[in-house]
Amino acid sequence: MPPSASSAAASDSLAAYPWLPDIGPVDAAAAERTRAYLDTLTKPPGSLGRLEALAIQLSAITGSARPRVDSPAVVVFAADHGVAAEGVSAFPQEVTAQMVANFVQQGAAINVFARQLGARVDVVDVGVASPRPLPGATDARVRSGTANMLHHDAMPLDDARQAMQAGMAAVERAVQAGANGLIVGDMGIANTTASSAMLAALLGVPAAQVVGAGTGIDSTQQAHKAAVIERALANRQANPDDPLEVLCKLGGLEIAAMAGAYLAAAAHRVPAVVDGFIATVAALTACRMAPALCDYLVFGHRSAEPGHVLALEALAAQPLLALEMRLGEGSGAALAYPLLQAAAAMLSDMATFSQARVSGKAP
């Protein structure tokens, strides 16, 4: 998106949602300087492929010729969903709180991958349906889960806004603690149902086109899940041109918090790596609210969920990895994060032709 278009889009988003952080365009001049500098390094021009494009993006986001991403923060937002009562998940709702405890005890996949990065995992409860507080988790609970979207709007506007602000606050804490990169994850039984419903509404596609295995349901259960979503879409009648309305009627509190986190990271010019299907639906929602945001996001991987491909296409996003994952938690984003560090190291540590006294490309 050209800077002028980004600026106009940012102004429009602030008029519609004045409580959003102010997100300016990425630094196009810094990007061009990095693009030129890459061709002075001891390699054929463009020979490191998409790693070079990633280095350029990091400069555009941070405004620095030597971007630093050596101190990532991992934030996992957790919440429950009323639609779980419709039997759309392979696991019971109480697993959300149990997995929060597992995160806190450092036993989940995201904990393992975060340790490889030297990153602490902040687990934020924005809407878990259990007695509060959850020991060891950051308590930002808006309510104890959403309403069942089949019969009611998932949440009122004030709750969605509060959940988004909880996401923004989590990023503020991370940045104040020295984070210069962000990995956002999610936990919530039935949140692939909420994400699928949101994506179907935002893109105007049938539920069957976006529904996948989620936590491991079979084809019969997938058909049931798609039917539940179609009924919810018919009952809620969310306006596809109003992403906040789609979020309120069909979404989840952790999805709202993730959207808020992406917006806050962009406002701080901190690169945020988007995880899988649920995270990308949150990113799509946030980008529809503030279009300038999209240039600040790095898409970590393409998951095995069929709806993820559609969500990525809607954002014109190219993920860094494709490992057939569908876990969530921020796991795919954490696995992709070392590529950001490699791109930054290339800019800071690799010799130029003149420094290495290597002949450049022949004229």
Protein backbone atom coordinates (compact mmCIF):
# COMPACT_ATOMS: atom_id res chain seq x y z
CA MET A 1 0.00 0.00 0.00
CA PRO A 2 1.51 3.42 -0.92
CA PRO A 3 2.18 5.72 2.06
CA SER A 4 -0.50 8.19 0.97
CA ALA A 5 -3.12 5.44 0.84
CA SER A 6 -1.94 4.09 4.21
CA SER A 7 -2.24 7.56 5.74
CA ALA A 8 -5.75 8.03 4.38
CA ALA A 9 -6.77 4.57 5.59
CA ALA A 10 -5.35 5.30 9.03
CA SER A 11 -7.33 8.54 9.21
CA ASP A 12 -10.51 6.73 8.20
CA SER A 13 -9.98 4.05 10.84
CA LEU A 14 -9.39 6.63 13.57
CA ALA A 15 -12.64 8.36 12.64
CA ALA A 16 -14.56 5.08 12.86
CA TYR A 17 -12.74 3.77 15.94
CA PRO A 18 -11.27 6.76 17.82
CA TRP A 19 -10.08 4.55 20.70
CA LEU A 20 -7.61 2.67 18.46
CA PRO A 21 -3.92 3.57 18.68
CA ASP A 22 -2.60 5.85 15.96
CA ILE A 23 -0.75 3.76 13.36
CA GLY A 24 1.23 5.64 10.75
CA PRO A 25 2.63 4.15 7.55
CA VAL A 26 5.79 2.06 7.66
CA ASP A 27 9.07 3.83 6.88
CA ALA A 28 9.40 3.52 3.10
CA ALA A 29 12.70 5.43 3.07
CA ALA A 30 14.27 3.01 5.55
CA ALA A 31 13.03 0.11 3.44
CA GLU A 32 14.66 1.51 0.30
CA ARG A 33 17.96 2.13 2.09
CA THR A 34 17.99 -1.47 3.27
CA ARG A 35 17.06 -2.73 -0.19
CA ALA A 36 20.11 -0.93 -1.62
CA TYR A 37 22.38 -2.04 1.22
CA LEU A 38 21.51 -5.70 0.68
CA ASP A 39 23.03 -5.51 -2.78
CA THR A 40 26.37 -4.43 -1.28
CA LEU A 41 26.66 -7.59 0.82
CA THR A 42 28.85 -10.50 -0.24
CA LYS A 43 26.25 -12.44 -2.20
CA PRO A 44 24.62 -12.24 -5.62
CA PRO A 45 21.75 -9.71 -5.58
CA GLY A 46 18.53 -11.32 -4.36
CA SER A 47 20.21 -14.66 -3.70
CA LEU A 48 18.78 -14.95 -0.17
CA GLY A 49 15.30 -14.72 -1.58
CA ARG A 50 12.47 -13.97 0.83
CA LEU A 51 14.91 -13.50 3.70
CA GLU A 52 15.95 -10.28 1.97
CA ALA A 53 12.32 -9.20 1.66
CA LEU A 54 11.91 -9.92 5.38
CA ALA A 55 14.95 -7.77 6.21
CA ILE A 56 13.48 -4.93 4.16
CA GLN A 57 10.15 -5.28 5.97
CA LEU A 58 11.84 -5.21 9.38
CA SER A 59 13.57 -1.95 8.42
CA ALA A 60 10.27 -0.52 7.20
CA ILE A 61 8.53 -1.46 10.44
CA THR A 62 11.22 -0.25 12.83
CA GLY A 63 12.60 2.62 10.76
CA SER A 64 16.10 1.25 11.42
CA ALA A 65 18.84 0.13 9.03
CA ARG A 66 19.87 -2.35 11.73
CA PRO A 67 16.61 -3.61 13.20
CA ARG A 68 16.83 -5.56 16.45
CA VAL A 69 14.52 -8.48 17.17
CA ASP A 70 16.65 -10.26 19.75
CA SER A 71 14.19 -9.89 22.66
CA PRO A 72 10.83 -11.34 21.64
CA ALA A 73 7.79 -11.46 23.91
CA VAL A 74 5.24 -14.26 23.74
CA VAL A 75 1.67 -13.47 24.81
CA VAL A 76 -1.04 -16.13 24.83
CA PHE A 77 -4.64 -14.92 25.26
CA ALA A 78 -7.18 -17.39 26.64
CA ALA A 79 -10.97 -17.34 26.64
CA ASP A 80 -13.97 -19.62 26.34
CA HIS A 81 -16.84 -19.70 23.85
CA GLY A 82 -20.53 -20.27 24.49
CA VAL A 83 -20.89 -22.10 21.18
CA ALA A 84 -18.91 -24.99 22.70
CA ALA A 85 -22.28 -26.12 24.07
CA GLU A 86 -23.20 -27.15 20.50
CA GLY A 87 -20.62 -29.97 20.44
CA VAL A 88 -18.31 -28.35 17.87
CA SER A 89 -15.02 -29.37 19.50
CA ALA A 90 -13.29 -32.67 20.21
CA PHE A 91 -12.49 -31.44 23.73
CA PRO A 92 -14.70 -30.23 26.62
CA GLN A 93 -14.68 -26.57 27.60
CA GLU A 94 -12.79 -27.14 30.85
CA VAL A 95 -9.67 -27.88 28.78
CA THR A 96 -9.19 -24.13 28.28
CA ALA A 97 -8.50 -23.56 31.99
CA GLN A 98 -6.46 -26.76 32.18
CA MET A 99 -4.26 -25.63 29.30
CA VAL A 100 -3.80 -22.22 30.92
CA ALA A 101 -2.40 -24.09 33.92
CA ASN A 102 -0.15 -26.05 31.57
CA PHE A 103 1.15 -22.81 30.04
CA VAL A 104 1.84 -21.41 33.49
CA GLN A 105 3.67 -24.62 34.44
CA GLN A 106 5.81 -24.35 31.27
CA GLY A 107 4.56 -27.65 29.84
CA ALA A 108 2.97 -26.71 26.50
CA ALA A 109 4.45 -26.58 23.00
CA ILE A 110 4.62 -22.78 23.08
CA ASN A 111 6.65 -22.94 26.29
CA VAL A 112 9.14 -25.30 24.66
CA PHE A 113 9.51 -23.08 21.59
CA ALA A 114 9.65 -19.89 23.68
CA ARG A 115 12.52 -21.32 25.71
CA GLN A 116 14.45 -21.84 22.48
CA LEU A 117 14.02 -18.11 21.83
CA GLY A 118 14.81 -17.09 25.39
CA ALA A 119 11.33 -15.59 25.67
CA ARG A 120 8.96 -15.56 28.62
CA VAL A 121 5.33 -16.57 28.01
CA ASP A 122 2.71 -14.17 29.39
CA VAL A 123 -0.62 -16.00 29.67
CA VAL A 124 -3.52 -13.54 29.74
CA ASP A 125 -6.99 -14.64 30.84
CA VAL A 126 -9.47 -12.42 29.00
CA GLY A 127 -12.48 -14.70 29.31
CA VAL A 128 -11.95 -18.21 30.68
CA ALA A 129 -15.13 -19.81 32.05
CA SER A 130 -13.79 -20.89 35.42
CA PRO A 131 -13.51 -19.54 38.96
CA ARG A 132 -11.12 -16.62 39.01
CA PRO A 133 -8.32 -15.91 39.23
CA LEU A 134 -6.31 -18.55 37.37
CA PRO A 135 -3.03 -18.92 39.32
CA GLY A 136 -0.03 -17.62 37.42
CA ALA A 137 -2.01 -16.06 34.57
CA THR A 138 -2.44 -12.32 34.06
CA ASP A 139 -6.01 -11.53 35.09
CA ALA A 140 -7.65 -9.36 32.42
CA ARG A 141 -10.95 -11.24 32.37
CA VAL A 142 -13.74 -9.28 30.73
CA ARG A 143 -16.37 -11.96 31.30
CA SER A 144 -16.44 -15.74 31.75
CA GLY A 145 -16.66 -16.67 28.10
CA THR A 146 -18.82 -15.42 25.27
CA ALA A 147 -22.50 -16.14 24.80
CA ASN A 148 -23.59 -18.93 22.45
CA MET A 149 -23.58 -17.22 19.04
CA LEU A 150 -26.33 -19.56 17.88
CA HIS A 151 -28.80 -17.80 20.17
CA HIS A 152 -27.21 -14.47 21.14
CA ASP A 153 -24.52 -12.06 20.04
CA ALA A 154 -21.20 -13.39 21.32
CA MET A 155 -20.50 -10.21 23.29
CA PRO A 156 -21.59 -6.58 23.56
CA LEU A 157 -19.49 -3.82 22.05
CA ASP A 158 -18.10 -2.69 25.40
CA ASP A 159 -16.78 -6.19 26.12
CA ALA A 160 -15.11 -6.44 22.71
CA ARG A 161 -13.49 -3.05 23.21
CA GLN A 162 -12.32 -4.01 26.71
CA ALA A 163 -10.81 -7.25 25.40
CA MET A 164 -8.99 -5.37 22.63
CA GLN A 165 -7.65 -2.96 25.22
CA ALA A 166 -6.45 -5.92 27.32
CA GLY A 167 -4.47 -7.00 24.27
CA MET A 168 -3.03 -3.52 23.90
CA ALA A 169 -2.10 -3.45 27.59
CA ALA A 170 -0.26 -6.78 27.29
CA VAL A 171 1.90 -5.33 24.51
CA GLU A 172 2.54 -2.20 26.55
CA ARG A 173 3.85 -4.39 29.38
CA ALA A 174 6.04 -6.34 26.99
CA VAL A 175 7.49 -3.22 25.36
CA GLN A 176 8.17 -1.62 28.74
CA ALA A 177 10.05 -4.80 29.69
CA GLY A 178 12.27 -4.43 26.61
CA ALA A 179 10.57 -6.58 23.98
CA ASN A 180 11.44 -5.75 20.37
CA GLY A 181 9.39 -8.49 18.73
CA LEU A 182 6.00 -10.02 19.43
CA ILE A 183 4.55 -13.53 19.14
CA VAL A 184 0.82 -13.75 19.85
CA GLY A 185 -0.98 -16.99 20.66
CA ASP A 186 -4.45 -18.16 21.61
CA MET A 187 -6.20 -20.78 23.70
CA GLY A 188 -9.94 -21.38 23.76
CA ILE A 189 -12.02 -24.47 23.15
CA ALA A 190 -14.35 -23.83 20.15
CA ASN A 191 -12.36 -20.82 18.95
CA THR A 192 -11.94 -22.33 15.48
CA THR A 193 -15.74 -22.25 15.29
CA ALA A 194 -15.79 -18.55 16.20
CA SER A 195 -12.95 -17.81 13.78
CA SER A 196 -14.62 -19.76 10.98
CA ALA A 197 -17.89 -17.90 11.54
CA MET A 198 -16.09 -14.56 11.49
CA LEU A 199 -14.17 -15.40 8.33
CA ALA A 200 -17.29 -16.67 6.54
CA ALA A 201 -19.04 -13.42 7.44
CA LEU A 202 -16.13 -11.15 6.49
CA LEU A 203 -15.51 -12.85 3.15
CA GLY A 204 -19.09 -13.85 2.31
CA VAL A 205 -18.25 -17.53 1.79
CA PRO A 206 -20.07 -20.68 2.94
CA ALA A 207 -19.09 -22.11 6.31
CA ALA A 208 -18.16 -25.45 4.75
CA GLN A 209 -15.44 -23.67 2.78
CA VAL A 210 -13.62 -22.51 5.93
CA VAL A 211 -14.27 -25.30 8.45
CA GLY A 212 -11.47 -27.77 9.15
CA ALA A 213 -10.50 -30.40 11.67
CA GLY A 214 -9.76 -27.90 14.43
CA THR A 215 -8.88 -29.90 17.54
CA GLY A 216 -9.28 -33.17 15.64
CA ILE A 217 -12.92 -33.67 14.69
CA ASP A 218 -13.92 -36.13 11.97
CA SER A 219 -15.82 -35.40 8.75
CA THR A 220 -19.24 -35.97 10.36
CA GLN A 221 -18.38 -33.55 13.16
CA GLN A 222 -17.04 -31.05 10.63
CA ALA A 223 -20.36 -31.12 8.81
CA HIS A 224 -22.14 -30.51 12.11
CA LYS A 225 -19.77 -27.64 12.92
CA ALA A 226 -20.41 -26.05 9.51
CA ALA A 227 -24.17 -26.38 10.02
CA VAL A 228 -23.94 -24.70 13.43
CA ILE A 229 -21.96 -21.85 11.90
CA GLU A 230 -24.45 -21.42 9.04
CA ARG A 231 -27.30 -21.18 11.55
CA ALA A 232 -25.32 -18.66 13.60
CA LEU A 233 -24.60 -16.59 10.51
CA ALA A 234 -28.29 -16.55 9.62
CA ASN A 235 -29.32 -15.68 13.18
CA ARG A 236 -26.74 -12.96 13.79
CA GLN A 237 -26.80 -11.22 10.37
CA ALA A 238 -23.44 -9.52 10.99
CA ASN A 239 -22.57 -6.72 8.60
CA PRO A 240 -19.46 -7.84 6.65
CA ASP A 241 -18.45 -4.21 6.13
CA ASP A 242 -18.25 -3.64 9.90
CA PRO A 243 -15.45 -5.83 11.31
CA LEU A 244 -16.18 -4.78 14.87
CA GLU A 245 -19.79 -5.89 14.51
CA VAL A 246 -18.63 -9.23 13.11
CA LEU A 247 -16.33 -9.61 16.11
CA CYS A 248 -19.09 -8.78 18.58
CA LYS A 249 -21.70 -11.04 17.04
CA LEU A 250 -19.56 -14.07 16.16
CA GLY A 251 -16.11 -13.74 17.70
CA GLY A 252 -14.23 -14.40 20.90
CA LEU A 253 -12.63 -12.39 23.65
CA GLU A 254 -9.18 -13.81 22.89
CA ILE A 255 -9.65 -12.98 19.21
CA ALA A 256 -10.45 -9.40 20.21
CA ALA A 257 -7.40 -9.29 22.48
CA MET A 258 -5.15 -10.56 19.69
CA ALA A 259 -6.46 -7.86 17.36
CA GLY A 260 -5.69 -5.25 20.00
CA ALA A 261 -2.20 -6.67 20.49
CA TYR A 262 -1.38 -6.38 16.79
CA LEU A 263 -2.55 -2.78 16.77
CA ALA A 264 -0.47 -1.86 19.81
CA ALA A 265 2.64 -3.56 18.40
CA ALA A 266 2.32 -1.54 15.20
CA ALA A 267 1.87 1.67 17.16
CA HIS A 268 5.22 0.90 18.86
CA ARG A 269 6.82 -0.15 15.54
CA VAL A 270 7.47 -3.60 16.96
CA PRO A 271 7.27 -6.49 14.45
CA ALA A 272 4.46 -8.91 15.31
CA VAL A 273 4.45 -12.46 13.96
CA VAL A 274 0.98 -13.78 13.17
CA ASP A 275 0.37 -17.43 14.02
CA GLY A 276 -2.25 -19.72 12.45
CA PHE A 277 -5.91 -19.62 11.50
CA ILE A 278 -7.37 -17.96 14.60
CA ALA A 279 -4.54 -15.45 14.79
CA THR A 280 -4.92 -14.59 11.11
CA VAL A 281 -8.66 -14.00 11.47
CA ALA A 282 -7.82 -11.66 14.36
CA ALA A 283 -5.26 -9.93 12.12
CA LEU A 284 -7.76 -9.65 9.27
CA THR A 285 -10.29 -8.08 11.64
CA ALA A 286 -7.73 -5.59 12.94
CA CYS A 287 -6.53 -4.75 9.41
CA ARG A 288 -10.13 -4.10 8.32
CA MET A 289 -10.38 -1.67 11.24
CA ALA A 290 -6.97 -0.05 10.63
CA PRO A 291 -5.64 -0.87 7.14
CA ALA A 292 -2.20 0.61 7.81
CA LEU A 293 -1.62 -2.25 10.26
CA CYS A 294 -1.12 -4.89 7.59
CA ASP A 295 2.36 -3.66 6.60
CA TYR A 296 3.53 -4.22 10.20
CA LEU A 297 2.59 -7.90 10.36
CA VAL A 298 4.84 -10.86 9.55
CA PHE A 299 2.86 -14.03 8.81
CA GLY A 300 4.58 -16.96 10.44
CA HIS A 301 3.07 -20.03 8.82
CA ARG A 302 0.25 -21.54 6.83
CA SER A 303 -1.71 -24.02 8.91
CA ALA A 304 -3.62 -27.14 7.91
CA GLU A 305 -6.97 -25.36 8.40
CA PRO A 306 -8.66 -24.73 5.01
CA GLY A 307 -9.94 -21.35 6.14
CA HIS A 308 -6.41 -20.19 6.84
CA VAL A 309 -5.57 -20.13 3.14
CA LEU A 310 -8.59 -17.89 2.49
CA ALA A 311 -7.69 -15.57 5.36
CA LEU A 312 -4.10 -15.27 4.12
CA GLU A 313 -5.32 -14.56 0.59
CA ALA A 314 -7.64 -11.85 1.90
CA LEU A 315 -4.59 -10.17 3.44
CA ALA A 316 -2.33 -10.81 0.41
CA ALA A 317 -0.01 -12.46 2.94
CA GLN A 318 2.85 -14.86 2.26
CA PRO A 319 3.62 -16.98 5.34
CA LEU A 320 7.21 -17.92 6.08
CA LEU A 321 6.56 -21.60 6.85
CA ALA A 322 4.12 -24.35 5.89
CA LEU A 323 4.40 -27.23 8.34
CA GLU A 324 0.79 -28.51 8.31
CA MET A 325 0.30 -27.36 11.91
CA ARG A 326 -3.03 -26.57 13.57
CA LEU A 327 -2.16 -26.23 17.24
CA GLY A 328 -2.45 -22.51 17.92
CA GLU A 329 -0.83 -21.15 21.09
CA GLY A 330 1.52 -19.07 18.93
CA SER A 331 3.48 -22.24 18.15
CA GLY A 332 3.91 -21.67 14.41
CA ALA A 333 4.84 -18.02 14.94
CA ALA A 334 7.49 -19.04 17.48
CA LEU A 335 8.98 -21.53 15.03
CA ALA A 336 9.12 -18.82 12.34
CA TYR A 337 10.65 -16.19 14.63
CA PRO A 338 14.31 -17.27 14.15
CA LEU A 339 13.94 -16.22 10.50
CA LEU A 340 13.38 -12.64 11.70
CA GLN A 341 16.51 -12.93 13.79
CA ALA A 342 18.45 -14.29 10.82
CA ALA A 343 17.26 -11.42 8.63
CA ALA A 344 18.33 -8.88 11.22
CA ALA A 345 21.69 -10.60 11.73
CA MET A 346 22.31 -10.50 8.00
CA LEU A 347 22.00 -6.71 8.07
CA SER A 348 24.16 -6.22 11.14
CA ASP A 349 26.87 -8.87 10.73
CA MET A 350 27.35 -9.76 7.07
CA ALA A 351 30.35 -8.22 5.29
CA THR A 352 30.02 -5.97 2.29
CA PHE A 353 32.05 -6.55 -0.87
CA SER A 354 34.36 -3.67 0.03
CA GLN A 355 34.85 -4.80 3.62
CA ALA A 356 35.71 -8.34 2.54
CA ARG A 357 37.74 -7.16 -0.46
CA VAL A 358 35.64 -9.36 -2.69
CA SER A 359 34.97 -8.28 -6.25
CA GLY A 360 31.40 -7.30 -6.94
CA LYS A 361 29.25 -8.24 -9.88
CA ALA A 362 30.96 -7.64 -13.20
CA PRO A 363 29.63 -4.59 -15.12
